[in-house]
Amino acid sequence: MAQLTPWPTPPPGPVGTLPDVIPANEVTPVASPLTPGGIALQVDPIFAGPVPRNPPRPAVRVMSGEPDSGDRITLEFDAGALVRTVQLTYEPVSPFAAPSPVSGQRVVRAFRLRLYDTKGAPSALAFKIPVRMTLRPKPEEVFASGNDAARLLVARYDEGRGRWEPQVTAYDPGRNTLLARIFQPGLYGLLAAPAPVS
C-alpha cells in the first residue's frame, strides 16, 4: 500500500560546533601552585547551541581555594566560552611582587590565571565569550580606595606593553561584590584609586 502521509520532518541538527570534551582519565594533570589558595583543575566546555542569549546562560562555575571564603574569586565560564577541555591554575600573587600601576593607583590584590591543554602544555587560548570574574573587596582594599569600593578596578597586566589594562568592573553594593568580564588568562590585579582631594 502507498503511504498516505509524508514522513515526519527529521529533527534539526546541532546548532554550531560541538565542543571537544576530553575525559578526565585522558588528561595529563598539571600541578597545583604551591601558594596557599592556589588551585589546578580541569574545566570542560558546555555546548553553545540553542541556549538563551540573555542571562542566565548555562555555565561552569569555578572558585579559588583560599581558606577564607571572603578572599575567594569566582569564575563563570558561560556556554560557548571554551571550545575544548582545558586545565586552569589560579595562583595568588603578593601585591608587592606585582608590577606598579600608573601614578595614583595601587595594587591591593593580585593573582595569576594560567591555561593548559589536556597534555599539560601552556595554552594561550582566548575565551570566545567573556568569563565572569566575581570577587568581594576586603575592608583594607576598600580603605585604600578612600572607603569607596566603586573606585576599585580589576586590571590585567599586559606583558608586551608593560602596563595594566583596566577591565570593565562593576560594583554591586547590595552584594558587596565586584564583577569583571575577562577574555584571556594572565596576571590580574585589583587596583585601588584613592579618593580625589577636595
N, C-alpha and C. Protein backbone atom coordinates (compact mmCIF):
# COMPACT_ATOMS: atom_id res chain seq x y z
N MET A 1 0.84 -1.18 0.00
CA MET A 1 0.00 0.00 0.00
C MET A 1 0.88 1.24 0.00
N ALA A 2 0.41 2.28 -0.63
CA ALA A 2 1.15 3.53 -0.68
C ALA A 2 1.00 4.27 0.65
N GLN A 3 2.05 5.01 1.01
CA GLN A 3 1.99 5.80 2.25
C GLN A 3 1.11 7.02 2.00
N LEU A 4 0.09 7.23 2.86
CA LEU A 4 -0.84 8.31 2.67
C LEU A 4 -0.33 9.63 3.23
N THR A 5 0.49 9.58 4.25
CA THR A 5 1.03 10.82 4.84
C THR A 5 2.53 10.84 4.68
N PRO A 6 3.11 12.02 4.53
CA PRO A 6 4.58 12.09 4.37
C PRO A 6 5.29 11.73 5.66
N TRP A 7 6.55 11.32 5.51
CA TRP A 7 7.36 11.04 6.69
C TRP A 7 7.54 12.32 7.49
N PRO A 8 7.61 12.20 8.81
CA PRO A 8 7.83 13.42 9.61
C PRO A 8 9.17 14.07 9.28
N THR A 9 9.22 15.37 9.42
CA THR A 9 10.46 16.10 9.18
C THR A 9 11.51 15.64 10.18
N PRO A 10 12.72 15.34 9.72
CA PRO A 10 13.74 14.91 10.69
C PRO A 10 14.10 16.05 11.64
N PRO A 11 14.53 15.72 12.86
CA PRO A 11 14.90 16.77 13.81
C PRO A 11 16.09 17.56 13.30
N PRO A 12 16.16 18.84 13.67
CA PRO A 12 17.29 19.65 13.20
C PRO A 12 18.60 19.16 13.80
N GLY A 13 19.67 19.38 13.08
CA GLY A 13 20.98 19.00 13.56
C GLY A 13 21.48 20.00 14.59
N PRO A 14 22.64 19.73 15.22
CA PRO A 14 23.17 20.65 16.22
C PRO A 14 23.43 22.03 15.64
N VAL A 15 23.20 23.05 16.45
CA VAL A 15 23.49 24.42 16.05
C VAL A 15 24.90 24.74 16.52
N GLY A 16 25.77 25.09 15.60
CA GLY A 16 27.14 25.40 15.97
C GLY A 16 28.00 24.15 16.07
N THR A 17 29.21 24.31 16.51
CA THR A 17 30.17 23.21 16.60
C THR A 17 30.15 22.63 18.01
N LEU A 18 30.10 21.31 18.07
CA LEU A 18 30.14 20.66 19.38
C LEU A 18 31.52 20.85 20.00
N PRO A 19 31.60 21.16 21.30
CA PRO A 19 32.90 21.35 21.93
C PRO A 19 33.64 20.02 22.07
N ASP A 20 34.94 20.11 22.20
CA ASP A 20 35.81 18.95 22.32
C ASP A 20 36.02 18.66 23.80
N VAL A 21 35.24 17.71 24.34
CA VAL A 21 35.32 17.36 25.76
C VAL A 21 36.20 16.12 25.91
N ILE A 22 37.25 16.24 26.71
CA ILE A 22 38.21 15.14 26.91
C ILE A 22 37.95 14.50 28.27
N PRO A 23 37.77 13.18 28.32
CA PRO A 23 37.56 12.52 29.63
C PRO A 23 38.75 12.74 30.57
N ALA A 24 38.46 12.81 31.85
CA ALA A 24 39.50 13.09 32.85
C ALA A 24 40.63 12.06 32.82
N ASN A 25 40.32 10.80 32.50
CA ASN A 25 41.37 9.77 32.51
C ASN A 25 42.32 9.89 31.32
N GLU A 26 42.01 10.80 30.37
CA GLU A 26 42.89 11.03 29.23
C GLU A 26 43.64 12.36 29.35
N VAL A 27 43.51 13.02 30.49
CA VAL A 27 44.14 14.31 30.71
C VAL A 27 45.39 14.13 31.56
N THR A 28 46.49 14.76 31.15
CA THR A 28 47.71 14.78 31.95
C THR A 28 47.61 15.97 32.89
N PRO A 29 47.35 15.74 34.18
CA PRO A 29 47.08 16.87 35.08
C PRO A 29 48.32 17.71 35.35
N VAL A 30 48.09 19.02 35.47
CA VAL A 30 49.17 19.93 35.85
C VAL A 30 49.18 20.05 37.37
N ALA A 31 50.33 20.42 37.91
CA ALA A 31 50.46 20.55 39.37
C ALA A 31 49.79 21.83 39.85
N SER A 32 49.23 21.76 41.03
CA SER A 32 48.63 22.93 41.65
C SER A 32 49.73 23.85 42.15
N PRO A 33 49.57 25.19 41.99
CA PRO A 33 50.57 26.10 42.53
C PRO A 33 50.75 25.89 44.03
N LEU A 34 51.97 26.09 44.51
CA LEU A 34 52.28 25.85 45.92
C LEU A 34 51.81 26.97 46.83
N THR A 35 51.46 28.12 46.26
CA THR A 35 50.98 29.24 47.06
C THR A 35 49.66 28.87 47.73
N PRO A 36 49.50 29.14 49.04
CA PRO A 36 48.21 28.84 49.69
C PRO A 36 47.05 29.51 48.95
N GLY A 37 46.02 28.73 48.70
CA GLY A 37 44.87 29.24 47.95
C GLY A 37 44.91 28.89 46.49
N GLY A 38 46.08 28.43 46.00
CA GLY A 38 46.20 28.07 44.60
C GLY A 38 45.44 26.80 44.28
N ILE A 39 44.96 26.71 43.05
CA ILE A 39 44.22 25.53 42.60
C ILE A 39 44.66 25.15 41.20
N ALA A 40 44.44 23.89 40.85
CA ALA A 40 44.60 23.39 39.49
C ALA A 40 43.44 22.46 39.23
N LEU A 41 42.73 22.68 38.14
CA LEU A 41 41.58 21.83 37.85
C LEU A 41 41.28 21.80 36.36
N GLN A 42 40.48 20.81 35.98
CA GLN A 42 40.06 20.64 34.60
C GLN A 42 38.72 21.35 34.40
N VAL A 43 38.59 22.10 33.31
CA VAL A 43 37.33 22.78 33.00
C VAL A 43 36.84 22.28 31.65
N ASP A 44 35.67 21.66 31.65
CA ASP A 44 35.08 21.15 30.41
C ASP A 44 34.13 22.18 29.82
N PRO A 45 34.13 22.31 28.50
CA PRO A 45 33.23 23.28 27.87
C PRO A 45 31.78 22.80 27.87
N ILE A 46 30.87 23.75 27.72
CA ILE A 46 29.44 23.45 27.58
C ILE A 46 29.04 23.77 26.16
N PHE A 47 28.22 22.94 25.55
CA PHE A 47 27.76 23.16 24.18
C PHE A 47 26.99 24.48 24.10
N ALA A 48 27.35 25.30 23.13
CA ALA A 48 26.74 26.64 22.99
C ALA A 48 25.69 26.67 21.89
N GLY A 49 24.94 25.60 21.75
CA GLY A 49 23.91 25.55 20.73
C GLY A 49 22.73 26.43 21.07
N PRO A 50 21.52 25.88 21.07
CA PRO A 50 20.33 26.71 21.33
C PRO A 50 20.18 27.05 22.81
N VAL A 51 21.00 27.97 23.27
CA VAL A 51 20.92 28.41 24.67
C VAL A 51 20.44 29.85 24.68
N PRO A 52 19.88 30.31 25.79
CA PRO A 52 19.38 31.69 25.82
C PRO A 52 20.48 32.71 25.54
N ARG A 53 20.15 33.75 24.79
CA ARG A 53 21.13 34.80 24.50
C ARG A 53 21.34 35.70 25.71
N ASN A 54 20.36 35.79 26.58
CA ASN A 54 20.45 36.64 27.76
C ASN A 54 20.61 35.77 29.00
N PRO A 55 21.24 36.32 30.04
CA PRO A 55 21.39 35.55 31.29
C PRO A 55 20.03 35.16 31.85
N PRO A 56 19.93 34.04 32.57
CA PRO A 56 21.05 33.16 32.90
C PRO A 56 21.34 32.17 31.77
N ARG A 57 22.61 32.01 31.45
CA ARG A 57 23.04 31.00 30.49
C ARG A 57 23.65 29.84 31.27
N PRO A 58 23.63 28.64 30.71
CA PRO A 58 24.33 27.54 31.39
C PRO A 58 25.80 27.90 31.55
N ALA A 59 26.37 27.61 32.70
CA ALA A 59 27.75 28.00 32.97
C ALA A 59 28.44 26.99 33.88
N VAL A 60 29.76 26.93 33.76
CA VAL A 60 30.61 26.16 34.67
C VAL A 60 31.18 27.18 35.66
N ARG A 61 31.01 26.90 36.94
CA ARG A 61 31.47 27.83 37.97
C ARG A 61 32.68 27.25 38.68
N VAL A 62 33.73 28.09 38.83
CA VAL A 62 34.99 27.69 39.48
C VAL A 62 35.29 28.69 40.58
N MET A 63 35.75 28.21 41.72
CA MET A 63 36.09 29.10 42.83
C MET A 63 37.53 28.82 43.27
N SER A 64 38.26 29.89 43.59
CA SER A 64 39.65 29.73 44.04
C SER A 64 39.67 29.06 45.41
N GLY A 65 40.88 28.75 45.89
CA GLY A 65 40.98 27.89 47.07
C GLY A 65 41.43 28.52 48.37
N GLU A 66 41.31 29.85 48.51
CA GLU A 66 41.72 30.47 49.77
C GLU A 66 40.93 29.91 50.95
N PRO A 67 41.55 29.75 52.11
CA PRO A 67 40.84 29.21 53.28
C PRO A 67 39.64 30.07 53.69
N ASP A 68 39.78 31.38 53.60
CA ASP A 68 38.68 32.29 53.95
C ASP A 68 37.81 32.51 52.72
N SER A 69 36.55 32.14 52.79
CA SER A 69 35.66 32.25 51.62
C SER A 69 35.52 33.69 51.13
N GLY A 70 35.72 34.67 52.02
CA GLY A 70 35.64 36.07 51.62
C GLY A 70 36.78 36.51 50.72
N ASP A 71 37.88 35.72 50.70
CA ASP A 71 39.04 36.06 49.87
C ASP A 71 38.97 35.42 48.49
N ARG A 72 38.03 34.53 48.28
CA ARG A 72 37.99 33.76 47.04
C ARG A 72 37.41 34.56 45.87
N ILE A 73 37.88 34.19 44.68
CA ILE A 73 37.28 34.74 43.47
C ILE A 73 36.49 33.63 42.79
N THR A 74 35.47 34.02 42.05
CA THR A 74 34.64 33.07 41.31
C THR A 74 34.77 33.37 39.83
N LEU A 75 34.95 32.32 39.03
CA LEU A 75 34.98 32.44 37.57
C LEU A 75 33.82 31.64 37.02
N GLU A 76 33.05 32.25 36.12
CA GLU A 76 31.93 31.56 35.49
C GLU A 76 32.14 31.51 33.99
N PHE A 77 32.30 30.29 33.48
CA PHE A 77 32.52 30.05 32.06
C PHE A 77 31.16 29.74 31.42
N ASP A 78 30.60 30.71 30.70
CA ASP A 78 29.32 30.50 30.03
C ASP A 78 29.46 29.50 28.90
N ALA A 79 28.33 28.90 28.51
CA ALA A 79 28.31 28.02 27.36
C ALA A 79 28.86 28.77 26.15
N GLY A 80 29.82 28.17 25.48
CA GLY A 80 30.44 28.79 24.32
C GLY A 80 31.74 29.50 24.61
N ALA A 81 32.08 29.69 25.88
CA ALA A 81 33.33 30.40 26.21
C ALA A 81 34.55 29.56 25.85
N LEU A 82 34.45 28.24 26.01
CA LEU A 82 35.56 27.33 25.71
C LEU A 82 35.15 26.40 24.57
N VAL A 83 36.09 26.11 23.68
CA VAL A 83 35.81 25.20 22.57
C VAL A 83 36.33 23.80 22.86
N ARG A 84 37.19 23.68 23.86
CA ARG A 84 37.73 22.36 24.20
C ARG A 84 38.06 22.32 25.70
N THR A 85 38.25 21.13 26.21
CA THR A 85 38.65 20.95 27.60
C THR A 85 40.00 21.62 27.84
N VAL A 86 40.10 22.34 28.95
CA VAL A 86 41.36 22.98 29.32
C VAL A 86 41.64 22.67 30.79
N GLN A 87 42.85 22.99 31.21
CA GLN A 87 43.20 22.96 32.63
C GLN A 87 43.49 24.40 33.05
N LEU A 88 43.07 24.72 34.25
CA LEU A 88 43.20 26.07 34.76
C LEU A 88 43.96 26.04 36.08
N THR A 89 44.91 26.96 36.23
CA THR A 89 45.53 27.14 37.54
C THR A 89 45.29 28.57 37.99
N TYR A 90 45.08 28.70 39.29
CA TYR A 90 44.90 30.00 39.93
C TYR A 90 45.97 30.11 41.00
N GLU A 91 46.71 31.22 41.00
CA GLU A 91 47.79 31.39 41.96
C GLU A 91 47.76 32.81 42.53
N PRO A 92 47.51 32.95 43.83
CA PRO A 92 47.60 34.28 44.43
C PRO A 92 49.03 34.80 44.34
N VAL A 93 49.17 36.11 44.11
CA VAL A 93 50.47 36.76 44.00
C VAL A 93 50.50 37.91 45.00
N SER A 94 51.62 38.10 45.66
CA SER A 94 51.74 39.21 46.59
C SER A 94 51.59 40.53 45.83
N PRO A 95 50.75 41.45 46.33
CA PRO A 95 50.62 42.75 45.65
C PRO A 95 51.96 43.48 45.55
N PHE A 96 52.88 43.22 46.49
CA PHE A 96 54.18 43.87 46.47
C PHE A 96 55.09 43.30 45.37
N ALA A 97 54.79 42.09 44.90
CA ALA A 97 55.57 41.47 43.83
C ALA A 97 55.00 41.80 42.46
N ALA A 98 53.81 42.39 42.42
CA ALA A 98 53.17 42.74 41.14
C ALA A 98 53.75 44.04 40.61
N PRO A 99 53.76 44.22 39.28
CA PRO A 99 54.26 45.49 38.71
C PRO A 99 53.45 46.68 39.22
N SER A 100 54.11 47.82 39.32
CA SER A 100 53.44 49.03 39.81
C SER A 100 52.55 49.63 38.72
N PRO A 101 51.36 50.08 39.10
CA PRO A 101 50.48 50.74 38.12
C PRO A 101 50.86 52.21 37.96
N VAL A 102 50.04 52.91 37.17
CA VAL A 102 50.30 54.33 36.96
C VAL A 102 50.19 55.08 38.28
N SER A 103 50.74 56.28 38.28
CA SER A 103 50.75 57.10 39.49
C SER A 103 49.33 57.30 40.01
N GLY A 104 49.20 57.19 41.31
CA GLY A 104 47.90 57.42 41.95
C GLY A 104 47.12 56.15 42.21
N GLN A 105 47.50 55.04 41.57
CA GLN A 105 46.83 53.76 41.81
C GLN A 105 47.75 52.83 42.58
N ARG A 106 47.15 51.83 43.19
CA ARG A 106 47.92 50.88 43.99
C ARG A 106 47.34 49.49 43.81
N VAL A 107 48.21 48.49 43.64
CA VAL A 107 47.76 47.10 43.55
C VAL A 107 47.48 46.62 44.97
N VAL A 108 46.23 46.23 45.25
CA VAL A 108 45.88 45.76 46.59
C VAL A 108 45.65 44.25 46.63
N ARG A 109 45.51 43.64 45.46
CA ARG A 109 45.39 42.18 45.38
C ARG A 109 45.85 41.76 43.98
N ALA A 110 46.49 40.61 43.89
CA ALA A 110 46.95 40.14 42.58
C ALA A 110 46.87 38.61 42.54
N PHE A 111 46.64 38.09 41.35
CA PHE A 111 46.59 36.65 41.16
C PHE A 111 46.82 36.36 39.69
N ARG A 112 47.31 35.15 39.43
CA ARG A 112 47.62 34.74 38.05
C ARG A 112 46.73 33.57 37.65
N LEU A 113 46.15 33.70 36.47
CA LEU A 113 45.37 32.62 35.87
C LEU A 113 46.15 32.07 34.69
N ARG A 114 46.36 30.76 34.67
CA ARG A 114 47.07 30.13 33.54
C ARG A 114 46.18 29.03 32.97
N LEU A 115 46.25 28.87 31.65
CA LEU A 115 45.53 27.79 30.97
C LEU A 115 46.55 26.81 30.40
N TYR A 116 46.18 25.53 30.42
CA TYR A 116 46.99 24.46 29.86
C TYR A 116 46.09 23.56 29.03
N ASP A 117 46.67 22.90 28.03
CA ASP A 117 45.89 21.94 27.27
C ASP A 117 45.82 20.63 28.04
N THR A 118 45.19 19.63 27.44
CA THR A 118 44.98 18.37 28.15
C THR A 118 46.27 17.55 28.29
N LYS A 119 47.33 17.95 27.60
CA LYS A 119 48.63 17.28 27.74
C LYS A 119 49.51 17.98 28.76
N GLY A 120 49.02 19.09 29.33
CA GLY A 120 49.80 19.81 30.34
C GLY A 120 50.67 20.91 29.76
N ALA A 121 50.54 21.21 28.46
CA ALA A 121 51.33 22.27 27.84
C ALA A 121 50.62 23.62 28.00
N PRO A 122 51.35 24.72 28.24
CA PRO A 122 50.71 26.03 28.36
C PRO A 122 49.89 26.36 27.12
N SER A 123 48.76 27.02 27.33
CA SER A 123 47.86 27.38 26.23
C SER A 123 47.53 28.86 26.32
N ALA A 124 47.50 29.51 25.16
CA ALA A 124 47.13 30.93 25.08
C ALA A 124 45.70 31.07 24.57
N LEU A 125 44.89 30.06 24.76
CA LEU A 125 43.52 30.06 24.28
C LEU A 125 42.74 31.25 24.85
N ALA A 126 42.10 32.00 23.97
CA ALA A 126 41.25 33.11 24.41
C ALA A 126 39.82 32.60 24.55
N PHE A 127 39.07 33.23 25.43
CA PHE A 127 37.69 32.83 25.66
C PHE A 127 36.81 33.41 24.55
N LYS A 128 35.93 32.58 24.00
CA LYS A 128 35.04 33.03 22.91
C LYS A 128 33.97 33.98 23.44
N ILE A 129 33.58 33.77 24.68
CA ILE A 129 32.60 34.62 25.37
C ILE A 129 33.28 35.04 26.66
N PRO A 130 33.16 36.30 27.08
CA PRO A 130 33.87 36.72 28.29
C PRO A 130 33.50 35.88 29.51
N VAL A 131 34.49 35.60 30.32
CA VAL A 131 34.31 34.86 31.57
C VAL A 131 34.02 35.87 32.67
N ARG A 132 33.00 35.60 33.46
CA ARG A 132 32.63 36.50 34.55
C ARG A 132 33.49 36.21 35.78
N MET A 133 34.18 37.25 36.25
CA MET A 133 35.02 37.14 37.44
C MET A 133 34.37 37.96 38.56
N THR A 134 34.10 37.32 39.68
CA THR A 134 33.46 38.00 40.81
C THR A 134 34.37 37.88 42.03
N LEU A 135 34.53 38.99 42.74
CA LEU A 135 35.28 38.95 44.00
C LEU A 135 34.67 39.92 44.99
N ARG A 136 34.94 39.67 46.26
CA ARG A 136 34.42 40.51 47.33
C ARG A 136 35.56 41.35 47.90
N PRO A 137 35.45 42.69 47.82
CA PRO A 137 36.55 43.51 48.33
C PRO A 137 36.70 43.40 49.84
N LYS A 138 37.95 43.33 50.29
CA LYS A 138 38.25 43.27 51.72
C LYS A 138 38.21 44.68 52.31
N PRO A 139 38.00 44.80 53.62
CA PRO A 139 37.96 46.13 54.24
C PRO A 139 39.20 46.97 53.97
N GLU A 140 40.38 46.35 54.00
CA GLU A 140 41.61 47.11 53.76
C GLU A 140 41.71 47.59 52.31
N GLU A 141 41.12 46.82 51.38
CA GLU A 141 41.11 47.24 49.98
C GLU A 141 40.16 48.42 49.76
N VAL A 142 39.03 48.38 50.45
CA VAL A 142 38.08 49.49 50.37
C VAL A 142 38.71 50.74 51.00
N PHE A 143 39.41 50.56 52.10
CA PHE A 143 40.08 51.69 52.76
C PHE A 143 41.10 52.34 51.82
N ALA A 144 41.84 51.50 51.06
CA ALA A 144 42.87 52.01 50.14
C ALA A 144 42.25 52.82 49.01
N SER A 145 40.95 52.63 48.76
CA SER A 145 40.28 53.37 47.69
C SER A 145 39.48 54.55 48.25
N GLY A 146 39.86 55.03 49.43
CA GLY A 146 39.15 56.16 50.02
C GLY A 146 37.79 55.78 50.55
N ASN A 147 37.68 54.53 51.04
CA ASN A 147 36.41 53.98 51.57
C ASN A 147 35.29 54.02 50.55
N ASP A 148 35.64 53.87 49.26
CA ASP A 148 34.66 53.83 48.18
C ASP A 148 34.98 52.63 47.30
N ALA A 149 34.25 51.51 47.51
CA ALA A 149 34.53 50.28 46.77
C ALA A 149 34.35 50.46 45.27
N ALA A 150 33.55 51.44 44.87
CA ALA A 150 33.34 51.68 43.44
C ALA A 150 34.61 52.22 42.77
N ARG A 151 35.61 52.61 43.55
CA ARG A 151 36.87 53.10 43.00
C ARG A 151 37.90 51.97 42.85
N LEU A 152 37.48 50.73 43.13
CA LEU A 152 38.34 49.57 42.90
C LEU A 152 38.13 49.09 41.47
N LEU A 153 39.21 48.64 40.85
CA LEU A 153 39.17 48.28 39.44
C LEU A 153 39.97 47.02 39.19
N VAL A 154 39.40 46.06 38.48
CA VAL A 154 40.13 44.86 38.06
C VAL A 154 40.91 45.22 36.80
N ALA A 155 42.17 44.82 36.74
CA ALA A 155 43.02 45.10 35.58
C ALA A 155 43.86 43.87 35.25
N ARG A 156 44.23 43.75 33.98
CA ARG A 156 45.10 42.66 33.52
C ARG A 156 46.42 43.28 33.09
N TYR A 157 47.53 42.66 33.52
CA TYR A 157 48.83 43.19 33.16
C TYR A 157 49.22 42.73 31.77
N ASP A 158 49.47 43.69 30.88
CA ASP A 158 49.91 43.41 29.51
C ASP A 158 51.43 43.34 29.51
N GLU A 159 51.96 42.12 29.38
CA GLU A 159 53.41 41.92 29.43
C GLU A 159 54.11 42.65 28.29
N GLY A 160 53.51 42.63 27.09
CA GLY A 160 54.13 43.25 25.92
C GLY A 160 54.25 44.76 26.06
N ARG A 161 53.23 45.40 26.60
CA ARG A 161 53.24 46.86 26.74
C ARG A 161 53.76 47.33 28.09
N GLY A 162 53.88 46.38 29.03
CA GLY A 162 54.40 46.74 30.34
C GLY A 162 53.48 47.65 31.12
N ARG A 163 52.19 47.40 31.05
CA ARG A 163 51.23 48.24 31.77
C ARG A 163 49.96 47.45 32.10
N TRP A 164 49.24 47.97 33.09
CA TRP A 164 47.96 47.37 33.48
C TRP A 164 46.86 47.85 32.54
N GLU A 165 46.05 46.91 32.06
CA GLU A 165 44.92 47.23 31.18
C GLU A 165 43.63 47.09 31.99
N PRO A 166 42.92 48.19 32.22
CA PRO A 166 41.68 48.11 33.01
C PRO A 166 40.64 47.22 32.33
N GLN A 167 39.93 46.45 33.13
CA GLN A 167 38.80 45.65 32.66
C GLN A 167 37.52 46.34 33.15
N VAL A 168 36.47 46.23 32.36
CA VAL A 168 35.20 46.84 32.79
C VAL A 168 34.79 46.18 34.11
N THR A 169 34.66 46.98 35.15
CA THR A 169 34.39 46.48 36.50
C THR A 169 33.16 47.17 37.05
N ALA A 170 32.24 46.38 37.58
CA ALA A 170 31.01 46.93 38.17
C ALA A 170 30.94 46.53 39.64
N TYR A 171 30.57 47.48 40.50
CA TYR A 171 30.43 47.21 41.92
C TYR A 171 28.95 47.10 42.25
N ASP A 172 28.59 46.02 42.95
CA ASP A 172 27.22 45.80 43.41
C ASP A 172 27.19 46.04 44.91
N PRO A 173 26.70 47.21 45.36
CA PRO A 173 26.71 47.49 46.81
C PRO A 173 25.81 46.57 47.61
N GLY A 174 24.74 46.07 47.00
CA GLY A 174 23.84 45.17 47.72
C GLY A 174 24.50 43.86 48.10
N ARG A 175 25.33 43.35 47.22
CA ARG A 175 26.04 42.09 47.48
C ARG A 175 27.48 42.32 47.90
N ASN A 176 27.94 43.57 47.84
CA ASN A 176 29.32 43.93 48.13
C ASN A 176 30.28 43.07 47.30
N THR A 177 30.05 43.06 45.97
CA THR A 177 30.89 42.30 45.06
C THR A 177 31.30 43.17 43.88
N LEU A 178 32.46 42.82 43.33
CA LEU A 178 32.95 43.42 42.09
C LEU A 178 32.83 42.38 40.99
N LEU A 179 32.34 42.80 39.83
CA LEU A 179 32.19 41.90 38.69
C LEU A 179 32.99 42.46 37.52
N ALA A 180 33.85 41.62 36.95
CA ALA A 180 34.60 41.99 35.75
C ALA A 180 34.43 40.87 34.74
N ARG A 181 34.55 41.22 33.47
CA ARG A 181 34.49 40.22 32.40
C ARG A 181 35.85 40.16 31.72
N ILE A 182 36.41 38.96 31.62
CA ILE A 182 37.76 38.79 31.09
C ILE A 182 37.73 37.89 29.86
N PHE A 183 38.72 38.09 28.98
CA PHE A 183 38.77 37.35 27.73
C PHE A 183 39.96 36.41 27.62
N GLN A 184 40.88 36.48 28.56
CA GLN A 184 42.07 35.63 28.46
C GLN A 184 42.73 35.47 29.82
N PRO A 185 43.56 34.44 29.95
CA PRO A 185 44.30 34.27 31.22
C PRO A 185 45.38 35.33 31.35
N GLY A 186 46.08 35.33 32.47
CA GLY A 186 47.17 36.27 32.68
C GLY A 186 47.27 36.69 34.12
N LEU A 187 48.07 37.74 34.36
CA LEU A 187 48.23 38.31 35.70
C LEU A 187 47.15 39.38 35.88
N TYR A 188 46.35 39.21 36.92
CA TYR A 188 45.27 40.16 37.21
C TYR A 188 45.53 40.82 38.55
N GLY A 189 45.09 42.06 38.65
CA GLY A 189 45.24 42.79 39.89
C GLY A 189 43.98 43.58 40.20
N LEU A 190 43.77 43.81 41.47
CA LEU A 190 42.72 44.71 41.92
C LEU A 190 43.42 46.02 42.26
N LEU A 191 43.10 47.08 41.52
CA LEU A 191 43.75 48.36 41.69
C LEU A 191 42.84 49.30 42.47
N ALA A 192 43.43 50.01 43.40
CA ALA A 192 42.69 51.00 44.20
C ALA A 192 43.14 52.39 43.78
N ALA A 193 42.17 53.21 43.49
CA ALA A 193 42.45 54.63 43.20
C ALA A 193 42.00 55.43 44.40
N PRO A 194 42.89 56.20 45.00
CA PRO A 194 42.49 56.97 46.18
C PRO A 194 41.43 57.99 45.83
N ALA A 195 40.66 58.39 46.84
CA ALA A 195 39.62 59.38 46.63
C ALA A 195 40.26 60.70 46.23
N PRO A 196 39.61 61.47 45.34
CA PRO A 196 40.17 62.75 44.94
C PRO A 196 40.24 63.72 46.11
N VAL A 197 41.27 64.54 46.12
CA VAL A 197 41.43 65.54 47.18
C VAL A 197 40.48 66.69 46.90
N SER A 198 39.66 67.02 47.92
CA SER A 198 38.68 68.11 47.70
C SER A 198 39.21 69.41 48.23
